[in-house]
Amino acid sequence: MNSRTKGKVGEREFAALLREHGFDARRGQQFSGSPDSPDVVSEALAWLHVEVKRVQNLNLTDACAQAERDQTGSGLTKNIKLAWVVAHRRNHQPWLITLTAETFFKFLRGTLPPENKTTEQTKQQQQNV
């Protein structure tokens, strides 16, 4: 399987995992088509940019830099800086999630995810920051 196909399969796998856990999710690029489209799109997770990597030897620094770079200008909340995660896994291994310490501490404090916010409310709140 070539790397492009493996990437698509990984995006579908992770979207299915999100659905298993109660989040509406689908592959992002298949609908919007641009290279910087989010890998996975979910209305419930509109405040989050998800970068998916399905490789044996991941350069995590590069993957995080890509997520940071791609977190604005695409998806359901255009031109807004989103929290981001890198969802990654090797063959026959569980999914892992990598995020910044700042995002992790926001989760712990309860400031992420935004409570009961619609996509429009999330846009407005993030524009006021």
C-alpha atoms as a PDB file:
ATOM      1  CA  MET A   1       0.000   0.000   0.000  1.00  0.00           C
ATOM      2  CA  ASN A   2       1.481   3.367  -0.959  1.00  0.00           C
ATOM      3  CA  SER A   3       1.742   6.203   1.565  1.00  0.00           C
ATOM      4  CA  ARG A   4      -1.102   8.254   0.057  1.00  0.00           C
ATOM      5  CA  THR A   5      -3.483   5.293   0.239  1.00  0.00           C
ATOM      6  CA  LYS A   6      -2.319   4.493   3.769  1.00  0.00           C
ATOM      7  CA  GLY A   7      -3.001   8.109   4.763  1.00  0.00           C
ATOM      8  CA  LYS A   8      -6.559   7.948   3.409  1.00  0.00           C
ATOM      9  CA  VAL A   9      -7.158   4.651   5.188  1.00  0.00           C
ATOM     10  CA  GLY A  10      -5.821   6.167   8.430  1.00  0.00           C
ATOM     11  CA  GLU A  11      -8.123   9.173   8.102  1.00  0.00           C
ATOM     12  CA  ARG A  12     -11.108   6.872   7.568  1.00  0.00           C
ATOM     13  CA  GLU A  13     -10.052   4.712  10.528  1.00  0.00           C
ATOM     14  CA  PHE A  14      -9.750   7.693  12.854  1.00  0.00           C
ATOM     15  CA  ALA A  15     -13.078   9.160  11.673  1.00  0.00           C
ATOM     16  CA  ALA A  16     -14.668   5.763  12.398  1.00  0.00           C
ATOM     17  CA  LEU A  17     -13.052   5.744  15.860  1.00  0.00           C
ATOM     18  CA  LEU A  18     -14.540   9.175  16.580  1.00  0.00           C
ATOM     19  CA  ARG A  19     -17.969   7.910  15.448  1.00  0.00           C
ATOM     20  CA  GLU A  20     -17.603   4.881  17.756  1.00  0.00           C
ATOM     21  CA  HIS A  21     -17.179   7.334  20.611  1.00  0.00           C
ATOM     22  CA  GLY A  22     -20.230   9.383  19.674  1.00  0.00           C
ATOM     23  CA  PHE A  23     -18.760  12.125  17.484  1.00  0.00           C
ATOM     24  CA  ASP A  24     -20.050  12.758  13.983  1.00  0.00           C
ATOM     25  CA  ALA A  25     -16.923  12.593  11.835  1.00  0.00           C
ATOM     26  CA  ARG A  26     -15.781  12.151   8.255  1.00  0.00           C
ATOM     27  CA  ARG A  27     -12.641  12.541   6.206  1.00  0.00           C
ATOM     28  CA  GLY A  28     -12.068  16.198   5.451  1.00  0.00           C
ATOM     29  CA  GLN A  29     -10.165  16.314   2.183  1.00  0.00           C
ATOM     30  CA  GLN A  30     -12.619  14.117   0.312  1.00  0.00           C
ATOM     31  CA  PHE A  31     -15.190  16.914   0.501  1.00  0.00           C
ATOM     32  CA  SER A  32     -13.196  20.145   0.298  1.00  0.00           C
ATOM     33  CA  GLY A  33     -10.317  18.851  -1.773  1.00  0.00           C
ATOM     34  CA  SER A  34      -7.541  21.276  -0.868  1.00  0.00           C
ATOM     35  CA  PRO A  35      -4.205  19.989   0.448  1.00  0.00           C
ATOM     36  CA  ASP A  36      -4.507  21.970   3.705  1.00  0.00           C
ATOM     37  CA  SER A  37      -8.018  20.666   4.440  1.00  0.00           C
ATOM     38  CA  PRO A  38      -8.384  19.097   7.870  1.00  0.00           C
ATOM     39  CA  ASP A  39      -7.880  15.331   7.805  1.00  0.00           C
ATOM     40  CA  VAL A  40     -11.030  14.709   9.839  1.00  0.00           C
ATOM     41  CA  VAL A  41     -14.050  16.990  10.158  1.00  0.00           C
ATOM     42  CA  SER A  42     -16.667  16.924  12.914  1.00  0.00           C
ATOM     43  CA  GLU A  43     -19.293  19.565  13.660  1.00  0.00           C
ATOM     44  CA  ALA A  44     -19.096  18.654  17.369  1.00  0.00           C
ATOM     45  CA  LEU A  45     -15.324  19.153  17.291  1.00  0.00           C
ATOM     46  CA  ALA A  46     -15.304  22.299  15.146  1.00  0.00           C
ATOM     47  CA  TRP A  47     -12.994  23.944  17.714  1.00  0.00           C
ATOM     48  CA  LEU A  48     -10.331  21.256  17.070  1.00  0.00           C
ATOM     49  CA  HIS A  49      -8.003  20.681  14.102  1.00  0.00           C
ATOM     50  CA  VAL A  50      -7.192  16.971  13.753  1.00  0.00           C
ATOM     51  CA  GLU A  51      -4.080  15.917  11.837  1.00  0.00           C
ATOM     52  CA  VAL A  52      -3.997  12.148  11.192  1.00  0.00           C
ATOM     53  CA  LYS A  53      -0.795  10.189  10.566  1.00  0.00           C
ATOM     54  CA  ARG A  54      -0.824   6.444   9.845  1.00  0.00           C
ATOM     55  CA  VAL A  55       2.867   5.593   9.451  1.00  0.00           C
ATOM     56  CA  GLN A  56       5.440   3.278  10.953  1.00  0.00           C
ATOM     57  CA  ASN A  57       8.124   5.922  11.494  1.00  0.00           C
ATOM     58  CA  LEU A  58       6.529   9.245  12.285  1.00  0.00           C
ATOM     59  CA  ASN A  59       8.507  12.442  12.576  1.00  0.00           C
ATOM     60  CA  LEU A  60       6.329  13.824  15.351  1.00  0.00           C
ATOM     61  CA  THR A  61       7.971  17.258  15.287  1.00  0.00           C
ATOM     62  CA  ASP A  62       7.113  17.652  11.596  1.00  0.00           C
ATOM     63  CA  ALA A  63       3.571  16.348  12.136  1.00  0.00           C
ATOM     64  CA  CYS A  64       2.980  18.849  14.963  1.00  0.00           C
ATOM     65  CA  ALA A  65       4.418  21.665  12.850  1.00  0.00           C
ATOM     66  CA  GLN A  66       2.028  20.724  10.041  1.00  0.00           C
ATOM     67  CA  ALA A  67      -0.949  20.701  12.446  1.00  0.00           C
ATOM     68  CA  GLU A  68       0.116  24.104  13.800  1.00  0.00           C
ATOM     69  CA  ARG A  69       0.493  25.490  10.278  1.00  0.00           C
ATOM     70  CA  ASP A  70      -2.816  24.032   9.002  1.00  0.00           C
ATOM     71  CA  GLN A  71      -4.977  24.865  12.022  1.00  0.00           C
ATOM     72  CA  THR A  72      -6.428  28.013  10.429  1.00  0.00           C
ATOM     73  CA  GLY A  73      -8.015  28.780   7.103  1.00  0.00           C
ATOM     74  CA  SER A  74      -9.862  25.533   6.502  1.00  0.00           C
ATOM     75  CA  GLY A  75     -12.568  23.355   7.906  1.00  0.00           C
ATOM     76  CA  LEU A  76     -15.729  24.442   9.644  1.00  0.00           C
ATOM     77  CA  THR A  77     -14.201  27.488  11.335  1.00  0.00           C
ATOM     78  CA  LYS A  78     -12.268  29.417   8.702  1.00  0.00           C
ATOM     79  CA  ASN A  79      -9.506  31.863   9.660  1.00  0.00           C
ATOM     80  CA  ILE A  80      -9.685  31.030  13.370  1.00  0.00           C
ATOM     81  CA  LYS A  81      -6.807  29.600  15.359  1.00  0.00           C
ATOM     82  CA  LEU A  82      -7.980  26.203  16.597  1.00  0.00           C
ATOM     83  CA  ALA A  83      -6.617  23.834  19.181  1.00  0.00           C
ATOM     84  CA  TRP A  84      -4.906  21.002  17.318  1.00  0.00           C
ATOM     85  CA  VAL A  85      -3.995  17.370  17.890  1.00  0.00           C
ATOM     86  CA  VAL A  86      -2.026  14.815  15.932  1.00  0.00           C
ATOM     87  CA  ALA A  87      -3.729  11.415  15.952  1.00  0.00           C
ATOM     88  CA  HIS A  88      -1.204   8.754  14.977  1.00  0.00           C
ATOM     89  CA  ARG A  89      -0.642   5.037  14.992  1.00  0.00           C
ATOM     90  CA  ARG A  90       1.672   2.352  13.701  1.00  0.00           C
ATOM     91  CA  ASN A  91       0.551  -0.977  12.251  1.00  0.00           C
ATOM     92  CA  HIS A  92      -1.158  -3.170  14.853  1.00  0.00           C
ATOM     93  CA  GLN A  93      -0.848  -0.466  17.529  1.00  0.00           C
ATOM     94  CA  PRO A  94      -3.467   1.690  19.251  1.00  0.00           C
ATOM     95  CA  TRP A  95      -4.152   5.281  18.276  1.00  0.00           C
ATOM     96  CA  LEU A  96      -2.163   7.898  20.163  1.00  0.00           C
ATOM     97  CA  ILE A  97      -2.927  11.602  20.457  1.00  0.00           C
ATOM     98  CA  THR A  98      -0.237  14.291  20.661  1.00  0.00           C
ATOM     99  CA  LEU A  99      -1.052  17.872  21.654  1.00  0.00           C
ATOM    100  CA  THR A 100       0.681  20.870  23.171  1.00  0.00           C
ATOM    101  CA  ALA A 101       1.009  21.166  26.943  1.00  0.00           C
ATOM    102  CA  GLU A 102      -1.049  24.385  26.724  1.00  0.00           C
ATOM    103  CA  THR A 103      -3.945  22.484  25.103  1.00  0.00           C
ATOM    104  CA  PHE A 104      -3.575  19.652  27.628  1.00  0.00           C
ATOM    105  CA  PHE A 105      -3.820  22.080  30.549  1.00  0.00           C
ATOM    106  CA  LYS A 106      -6.873  23.752  28.998  1.00  0.00           C
ATOM    107  CA  PHE A 107      -8.529  20.317  28.967  1.00  0.00           C
ATOM    108  CA  LEU A 108      -7.576  19.774  32.606  1.00  0.00           C
ATOM    109  CA  ARG A 109      -8.904  23.208  33.622  1.00  0.00           C
ATOM    110  CA  GLY A 110     -12.119  22.580  31.695  1.00  0.00           C
ATOM    111  CA  THR A 111     -11.736  25.501  29.296  1.00  0.00           C
ATOM    112  CA  LEU A 112     -11.581  23.074  26.348  1.00  0.00           C
ATOM    113  CA  PRO A 113     -13.762  22.040  24.771  1.00  0.00           C
ATOM    114  CA  PRO A 114     -15.932  25.138  24.797  1.00  0.00           C
ATOM    115  CA  GLU A 115     -19.140  24.202  26.635  1.00  0.00           C
ATOM    116  CA  ASN A 116     -22.355  23.988  24.649  1.00  0.00           C
ATOM    117  CA  LYS A 117     -21.121  26.248  21.881  1.00  0.00           C
ATOM    118  CA  THR A 118     -22.356  26.090  18.325  1.00  0.00           C
ATOM    119  CA  THR A 119     -19.833  26.484  15.536  1.00  0.00           C
ATOM    120  CA  GLU A 120     -20.965  30.112  15.112  1.00  0.00           C
ATOM    121  CA  GLN A 121     -20.576  30.854  18.843  1.00  0.00           C
ATOM    122  CA  THR A 122     -17.132  29.235  18.829  1.00  0.00           C
ATOM    123  CA  LYS A 123     -16.100  31.463  15.895  1.00  0.00           C
ATOM    124  CA  GLN A 124     -17.275  34.574  17.700  1.00  0.00           C
ATOM    125  CA  GLN A 125     -15.567  33.602  20.976  1.00  0.00           C
ATOM    126  CA  GLN A 126     -12.248  32.830  19.283  1.00  0.00           C
ATOM    127  CA  GLN A 127     -12.339  36.078  17.287  1.00  0.00           C
ATOM    128  CA  ASN A 128     -12.647  38.013  20.555  1.00  0.00           C
ATOM    129  CA  VAL A 129      -9.457  36.467  21.979  1.00  0.00           C
END
